[in-house]
């Protein structure tokens, strides 16, 4: 399976900074990497990627598209 193609075509990485009073600086970061958007009928591909990496999950609407994400 050529996983890099899915990351190249649909991948992204983001870091969000949010206020969080429970931290010493009052801010916290939240990272994520939505990797690949696929039509719902291609869920098998995203499930195989999850098995390979041992993390993440396909999510989204079952009637439109799914996004594989790791947080």
C-alpha atoms as a PDB file:
ATOM      1  CA  UNK A   1       0.000   0.000   0.000  1.00  0.00           C
ATOM      2  CA  UNK A   2       1.343   3.426  -0.923  1.00  0.00           C
ATOM      3  CA  UNK A   3       0.374   5.430   2.183  1.00  0.00           C
ATOM      4  CA  UNK A   4       2.539   8.412   1.211  1.00  0.00           C
ATOM      5  CA  UNK A   5       0.234   9.068  -1.743  1.00  0.00           C
ATOM      6  CA  UNK A   6      -2.693   9.587   0.592  1.00  0.00           C
ATOM      7  CA  UNK A   7      -0.697  12.038   2.700  1.00  0.00           C
ATOM      8  CA  UNK A   8       0.623  13.888  -0.362  1.00  0.00           C
ATOM      9  CA  UNK A   9      -2.813  14.206  -1.910  1.00  0.00           C
ATOM     10  CA  UNK A  10      -4.996  14.997   1.086  1.00  0.00           C
ATOM     11  CA  UNK A  11      -2.728  15.348   4.115  1.00  0.00           C
ATOM     12  CA  UNK A  12      -2.256  18.297   6.414  1.00  0.00           C
ATOM     13  CA  UNK A  13      -0.925  19.035   9.878  1.00  0.00           C
ATOM     14  CA  UNK A  14      -2.138  21.689  12.272  1.00  0.00           C
ATOM     15  CA  UNK A  15      -1.422  23.112  15.705  1.00  0.00           C
ATOM     16  CA  UNK A  16      -4.102  25.065  17.546  1.00  0.00           C
ATOM     17  CA  UNK A  17      -3.370  27.268  20.554  1.00  0.00           C
ATOM     18  CA  UNK A  18      -6.208  27.552  23.045  1.00  0.00           C
ATOM     19  CA  UNK A  19      -6.693  29.370  26.321  1.00  0.00           C
ATOM     20  CA  UNK A  20      -6.374  26.991  29.245  1.00  0.00           C
ATOM     21  CA  UNK A  21      -6.308  28.352  32.781  1.00  0.00           C
ATOM     22  CA  UNK A  22      -5.050  25.062  34.192  1.00  0.00           C
ATOM     23  CA  UNK A  23      -1.602  25.504  32.574  1.00  0.00           C
ATOM     24  CA  UNK A  24       1.191  27.713  33.917  1.00  0.00           C
ATOM     25  CA  UNK A  25       1.142  30.025  30.869  1.00  0.00           C
ATOM     26  CA  UNK A  26      -2.625  29.990  30.386  1.00  0.00           C
ATOM     27  CA  UNK A  27      -2.378  28.356  26.968  1.00  0.00           C
ATOM     28  CA  UNK A  28      -2.403  24.828  25.633  1.00  0.00           C
ATOM     29  CA  UNK A  29      -1.658  23.384  22.222  1.00  0.00           C
ATOM     30  CA  UNK A  30      -3.703  20.848  20.355  1.00  0.00           C
ATOM     31  CA  UNK A  31      -2.166  19.056  17.414  1.00  0.00           C
ATOM     32  CA  UNK A  32      -3.700  16.946  14.729  1.00  0.00           C
ATOM     33  CA  UNK A  33      -3.194  15.530  11.294  1.00  0.00           C
ATOM     34  CA  UNK A  34      -6.250  14.915   9.186  1.00  0.00           C
ATOM     35  CA  UNK A  35      -4.553  12.712   6.635  1.00  0.00           C
ATOM     36  CA  UNK A  36      -6.888  11.587   3.952  1.00  0.00           C
ATOM     37  CA  UNK A  37     -10.404  12.335   2.813  1.00  0.00           C
ATOM     38  CA  UNK A  38     -12.086   9.493   0.983  1.00  0.00           C
ATOM     39  CA  UNK A  39     -15.575   8.749  -0.168  1.00  0.00           C
ATOM     40  CA  UNK A  40     -17.377   6.545   2.339  1.00  0.00           C
ATOM     41  CA  UNK A  41     -17.202   3.528   0.032  1.00  0.00           C
ATOM     42  CA  UNK A  42     -13.368   3.566   0.396  1.00  0.00           C
ATOM     43  CA  UNK A  43     -13.412   3.153   4.195  1.00  0.00           C
ATOM     44  CA  UNK A  44     -11.394  -0.078   3.855  1.00  0.00           C
ATOM     45  CA  UNK A  45      -8.356   1.939   2.776  1.00  0.00           C
ATOM     46  CA  UNK A  46      -8.535   4.145   5.865  1.00  0.00           C
ATOM     47  CA  UNK A  47      -9.030   1.104   8.093  1.00  0.00           C
ATOM     48  CA  UNK A  48      -5.869  -0.451   6.613  1.00  0.00           C
ATOM     49  CA  UNK A  49      -3.915   2.751   7.326  1.00  0.00           C
ATOM     50  CA  UNK A  50      -5.168   2.670  10.925  1.00  0.00           C
ATOM     51  CA  UNK A  51      -4.037  -0.943  11.300  1.00  0.00           C
ATOM     52  CA  UNK A  52      -0.605  -0.119   9.880  1.00  0.00           C
ATOM     53  CA  UNK A  53       0.041   2.834  12.219  1.00  0.00           C
ATOM     54  CA  UNK A  54      -1.888   1.500  15.217  1.00  0.00           C
ATOM     55  CA  UNK A  55      -3.574   4.860  15.830  1.00  0.00           C
ATOM     56  CA  UNK A  56      -6.060   7.319  14.384  1.00  0.00           C
ATOM     57  CA  UNK A  57      -9.597   6.757  13.264  1.00  0.00           C
ATOM     58  CA  UNK A  58     -11.741   7.306  10.220  1.00  0.00           C
ATOM     59  CA  UNK A  59     -14.575   9.697  10.979  1.00  0.00           C
ATOM     60  CA  UNK A  60     -17.122  11.853   9.277  1.00  0.00           C
ATOM     61  CA  UNK A  61     -20.423  11.342   7.589  1.00  0.00           C
ATOM     62  CA  UNK A  62     -21.017   7.850   6.283  1.00  0.00           C
ATOM     63  CA  UNK A  63     -22.965   9.156   3.288  1.00  0.00           C
ATOM     64  CA  UNK A  64     -20.414  11.691   1.998  1.00  0.00           C
ATOM     65  CA  UNK A  65     -16.744  11.329   2.906  1.00  0.00           C
ATOM     66  CA  UNK A  66     -14.502  10.111   5.692  1.00  0.00           C
ATOM     67  CA  UNK A  67     -11.376  11.749   7.063  1.00  0.00           C
ATOM     68  CA  UNK A  68      -8.626   9.769   8.779  1.00  0.00           C
ATOM     69  CA  UNK A  69      -7.295  11.761  11.717  1.00  0.00           C
ATOM     70  CA  UNK A  70      -4.670  11.395  14.419  1.00  0.00           C
ATOM     71  CA  UNK A  71      -4.544  13.637  17.499  1.00  0.00           C
END
